[in-house]
Amino acid sequence: MGIDRDAIIEFFLMGSVEKANSFLTPGVFGYSKSAKIYEYNKEKAKKLIEESGYEKIKLTLTTNNNELRRQMCEIIQAQLGEIGIEVKVEILEWATFLDYTGQGKTDMYMLGWSSYTGDADHSLTQLIHSSKKGSEGNRSFYENSKVDNLLAKGRKEIRLNERREIYKEIQNIVNEEVPVLPIYFALSNAGVRKEVKGFVQTPINIPNFYKLSFEGESL
């Protein structure tokens, strides 16, 4: 509740992205449009910290040497400072960042994610299943036996509507417990000349050149 994602998107990212309600994107099977994330509420966040009994909260927010992420971390640092959480931003070289987050050496971290399969099982299992803690993907070291069981059930279920309901329930649980806070859905863009035909832009920014033609001739 102390992170104003709307402000990050509007003023820093110039409104060019969509606020996320899940770390599954709308193009991934199993994404739930109805999944709810805690919205920004600075006063309520302050009150919750007061009620918790914690004093002088100091945390480190770690990311890799990516300029966009560094700046976003600094915005979050300022926002959390307004509710009484002192945040130090730590910038690491990529290999060191992966090592630190893989070993759980960070309080918080910022990282991006893409689904390479287009199915909820891939992202959800990698990011939140207890068997994937650490460098395998679950860098938040999240563990919930109910979520593990639902993931196993979703992987075996062949009825599409039932699978959707399973993944919807998982997203609701994760949004309630917040091991990960999704900030925005990034767009996948490409510039293509009008003479080029057959170009396919994929959601994971890996272009498909197999069916390209140029002014009617195959390339």
Protein backbone atom coordinates (compact mmCIF):
# COMPACT_ATOMS: atom_id res chain seq x y z
CA MET A 1 0.00 0.00 0.00
CA GLY A 2 3.00 2.28 0.28
CA ILE A 3 3.97 1.96 -3.39
CA ASP A 4 2.14 4.27 -5.78
CA ARG A 5 2.25 2.32 -9.03
CA ASP A 6 -0.03 4.82 -10.79
CA ALA A 7 2.48 7.60 -10.17
CA ILE A 8 5.35 5.44 -11.43
CA ILE A 9 3.46 4.64 -14.63
CA GLU A 10 2.10 8.13 -15.27
CA PHE A 11 5.09 10.31 -14.46
CA PHE A 12 8.08 8.04 -14.95
CA LEU A 13 6.91 5.70 -17.72
CA MET A 14 4.78 8.40 -19.38
CA GLY A 15 1.66 6.22 -19.30
CA SER A 16 3.14 3.89 -21.90
CA VAL A 17 2.39 0.70 -19.98
CA GLU A 18 -0.57 -0.91 -18.23
CA LYS A 19 -0.73 -1.33 -14.46
CA ALA A 20 -0.44 -5.00 -13.56
CA ASN A 21 -2.81 -6.98 -11.36
CA SER A 22 -0.84 -10.23 -11.68
CA PHE A 23 2.55 -11.46 -12.78
CA LEU A 24 0.69 -13.32 -15.49
CA THR A 25 0.04 -11.02 -18.43
CA PRO A 26 -3.31 -10.82 -20.26
CA GLY A 27 -1.91 -12.84 -23.17
CA VAL A 28 -1.06 -15.83 -20.98
CA PHE A 29 -3.58 -18.63 -20.52
CA GLY A 30 -4.86 -18.57 -16.94
CA TYR A 31 -4.52 -14.81 -16.45
CA SER A 32 -7.30 -13.48 -14.24
CA LYS A 33 -8.66 -10.05 -15.08
CA SER A 34 -10.51 -9.99 -11.75
CA ALA A 35 -7.39 -10.52 -9.61
CA LYS A 36 -7.07 -7.64 -7.14
CA ILE A 37 -3.84 -6.02 -5.94
CA TYR A 38 -3.61 -3.83 -2.83
CA GLU A 39 -3.98 -0.25 -4.08
CA TYR A 40 -1.91 2.70 -2.91
CA ASN A 41 -3.08 4.08 0.42
CA LYS A 42 -0.35 5.97 2.23
CA GLU A 43 -2.32 6.71 5.39
CA LYS A 44 -3.51 3.12 5.79
CA ALA A 45 0.03 1.88 5.18
CA LYS A 46 1.31 4.14 7.97
CA LYS A 47 -1.41 2.87 10.28
CA LEU A 48 -0.58 -0.77 9.55
CA ILE A 49 3.09 -0.14 10.36
CA GLU A 50 2.05 1.57 13.60
CA GLU A 51 -0.16 -1.34 14.56
CA SER A 52 2.55 -3.87 13.75
CA GLY A 53 4.83 -2.54 16.46
CA TYR A 54 7.84 -2.32 14.16
CA GLU A 55 10.07 0.69 14.65
CA LYS A 56 12.85 2.15 12.49
CA ILE A 57 12.32 -0.22 9.57
CA LYS A 58 15.38 -0.32 7.35
CA LEU A 59 15.41 -2.40 4.16
CA THR A 60 17.60 -2.80 1.10
CA LEU A 61 16.03 -2.83 -2.37
CA THR A 62 18.35 -4.58 -4.81
CA THR A 63 18.36 -4.55 -8.58
CA ASN A 64 20.80 -5.08 -11.42
CA ASN A 65 22.66 -2.38 -13.33
CA ASN A 66 19.69 -1.50 -15.52
CA GLU A 67 19.04 2.25 -15.68
CA LEU A 68 15.24 1.97 -15.86
CA ARG A 69 15.09 -0.33 -12.84
CA ARG A 70 17.54 1.83 -10.91
CA GLN A 71 15.33 4.88 -11.36
CA MET A 72 12.20 2.95 -10.44
CA CYS A 73 13.90 1.69 -7.29
CA GLU A 74 14.71 5.29 -6.34
CA ILE A 75 11.05 6.28 -6.78
CA ILE A 76 9.95 3.36 -4.59
CA GLN A 77 12.65 4.32 -2.08
CA ALA A 78 11.11 7.80 -1.82
CA GLN A 79 7.54 6.48 -1.62
CA LEU A 80 8.32 4.01 1.15
CA GLY A 81 10.24 6.73 2.96
CA GLU A 82 6.97 8.68 3.19
CA ILE A 83 5.39 5.89 5.24
CA GLY A 84 8.39 5.49 7.54
CA ILE A 85 10.40 2.76 5.84
CA GLU A 86 14.03 3.65 5.22
CA VAL A 87 15.18 2.01 1.99
CA LYS A 88 18.70 1.70 0.65
CA VAL A 89 18.93 1.05 -3.10
CA GLU A 90 21.63 -1.45 -4.02
CA ILE A 91 22.78 -1.79 -7.65
CA LEU A 92 24.60 -4.99 -8.56
CA GLU A 93 26.22 -6.32 -11.72
CA TRP A 94 23.93 -8.92 -13.32
CA ALA A 95 25.80 -12.08 -12.28
CA THR A 96 26.17 -10.83 -8.70
CA PHE A 97 22.50 -9.85 -8.63
CA LEU A 98 21.45 -13.35 -9.70
CA ASP A 99 23.75 -14.87 -7.09
CA TYR A 100 22.45 -12.66 -4.26
CA THR A 101 18.77 -13.14 -5.07
CA GLY A 102 19.30 -16.85 -5.69
CA GLN A 103 20.70 -17.21 -2.18
CA GLY A 104 18.10 -14.99 -0.52
CA LYS A 105 20.65 -12.33 0.43
CA THR A 106 18.28 -9.45 -0.35
CA ASP A 107 15.42 -7.84 1.60
CA MET A 108 13.62 -6.84 -1.59
CA TYR A 109 14.58 -6.98 -5.24
CA MET A 110 13.32 -5.71 -8.59
CA LEU A 111 13.30 -7.95 -11.64
CA GLY A 112 11.32 -8.44 -14.84
CA TRP A 113 9.67 -11.63 -16.06
CA SER A 114 8.34 -13.03 -19.34
CA SER A 115 6.35 -16.21 -19.94
CA TYR A 116 8.02 -18.27 -22.64
CA THR A 117 5.17 -20.77 -22.98
CA GLY A 118 2.02 -18.64 -22.90
CA ASP A 119 0.64 -20.85 -20.13
CA ALA A 120 0.14 -19.99 -16.45
CA ASP A 121 1.91 -23.14 -15.27
CA HIS A 122 5.29 -21.87 -16.42
CA SER A 123 5.27 -18.49 -14.70
CA LEU A 124 3.42 -19.50 -11.55
CA THR A 125 5.46 -22.64 -10.92
CA GLN A 126 8.81 -20.94 -11.54
CA LEU A 127 8.05 -17.89 -9.43
CA ILE A 128 6.09 -19.21 -6.45
CA HIS A 129 6.32 -23.01 -6.11
CA SER A 130 8.24 -23.96 -2.96
CA SER A 131 10.40 -26.44 -4.89
CA LYS A 132 11.76 -23.55 -7.00
CA LYS A 133 13.10 -21.45 -4.14
CA GLY A 134 16.23 -19.50 -4.99
CA SER A 135 18.02 -19.51 -8.30
CA GLU A 136 15.41 -21.71 -10.00
CA GLY A 137 12.99 -18.79 -10.02
CA ASN A 138 11.27 -18.37 -6.64
CA ARG A 139 13.67 -15.66 -5.49
CA SER A 140 11.14 -14.44 -2.93
CA PHE A 141 11.45 -17.84 -1.20
CA TYR A 142 7.66 -17.98 -1.01
CA GLU A 143 6.08 -21.14 0.37
CA ASN A 144 2.39 -22.00 0.58
CA SER A 145 1.34 -25.67 0.56
CA LYS A 146 -2.12 -24.82 -0.76
CA VAL A 147 -0.61 -22.97 -3.71
CA ASP A 148 1.77 -25.89 -4.37
CA ASN A 149 -1.19 -28.29 -4.43
CA LEU A 150 -3.20 -26.03 -6.72
CA LEU A 151 -0.26 -25.77 -9.12
CA ALA A 152 0.01 -29.56 -9.26
CA LYS A 153 -3.73 -29.80 -9.86
CA GLY A 154 -3.62 -27.19 -12.62
CA ARG A 155 -0.81 -29.00 -14.41
CA LYS A 156 -2.83 -32.23 -14.56
CA GLU A 157 -6.25 -30.75 -15.35
CA ILE A 158 -7.21 -30.97 -19.03
CA ARG A 159 -10.51 -29.07 -18.87
CA LEU A 160 -9.77 -25.47 -19.79
CA ASN A 161 -12.43 -23.79 -17.65
CA GLU A 162 -11.37 -25.77 -14.58
CA ARG A 163 -7.74 -24.83 -15.20
CA ARG A 164 -8.69 -21.15 -15.44
CA GLU A 165 -10.46 -21.34 -12.07
CA ILE A 166 -7.44 -22.99 -10.46
CA TYR A 167 -5.07 -20.29 -11.67
CA LYS A 168 -7.54 -17.58 -10.71
CA GLU A 169 -7.55 -18.89 -7.14
CA ILE A 170 -3.75 -19.00 -7.08
CA GLN A 171 -3.48 -15.39 -8.24
CA ASN A 172 -5.94 -14.28 -5.55
CA ILE A 173 -3.92 -16.03 -2.84
CA VAL A 174 -0.62 -14.57 -4.05
CA ASN A 175 -2.09 -11.08 -4.31
CA GLU A 176 -3.32 -11.39 -0.73
CA GLU A 177 0.04 -12.57 0.65
CA VAL A 178 2.21 -10.41 -1.67
CA PRO A 179 5.50 -12.28 -2.04
CA VAL A 180 5.73 -10.36 -5.32
CA LEU A 181 4.20 -7.01 -6.23
CA PRO A 182 3.67 -6.69 -10.00
CA ILE A 183 4.03 -3.08 -11.14
CA TYR A 184 3.22 -2.99 -14.84
CA PHE A 185 2.75 -5.01 -18.01
CA ALA A 186 5.45 -4.04 -20.51
CA LEU A 187 4.59 -3.77 -24.18
CA SER A 188 6.41 -5.73 -26.86
CA ASN A 189 7.11 -3.31 -29.75
CA ALA A 190 8.86 -3.53 -33.10
CA GLY A 191 9.45 -1.13 -35.97
CA VAL A 192 8.77 -2.63 -39.39
CA ARG A 193 9.05 -1.01 -42.83
CA LYS A 194 5.89 -1.14 -44.91
CA GLU A 195 7.66 -3.21 -47.61
CA VAL A 196 8.28 -6.01 -45.10
CA LYS A 197 5.49 -8.59 -44.90
CA GLY A 198 4.94 -11.60 -42.67
CA PHE A 199 6.68 -10.25 -39.59
CA VAL A 200 5.33 -11.68 -36.32
CA GLN A 201 6.05 -9.89 -33.06
CA THR A 202 6.04 -12.28 -30.10
CA PRO A 203 5.12 -11.33 -26.51
CA ILE A 204 8.63 -12.19 -25.30
CA ASN A 205 10.42 -9.85 -27.73
CA ILE A 206 11.95 -12.67 -29.76
CA PRO A 207 11.05 -11.77 -33.36
CA ASN A 208 9.87 -14.40 -35.82
CA PHE A 209 11.58 -14.01 -39.21
CA TYR A 210 10.54 -17.33 -40.75
CA LYS A 211 7.83 -15.95 -43.03
CA LEU A 212 9.32 -12.62 -44.02
CA SER A 213 9.00 -11.30 -47.53
CA PHE A 214 10.10 -7.99 -49.05
CA GLU A 215 8.15 -6.47 -51.90
CA GLY A 216 6.76 -9.89 -52.78
CA GLU A 217 10.09 -11.74 -52.70
CA SER A 218 11.18 -14.12 -49.95
CA LEU A 219 14.11 -13.00 -47.85
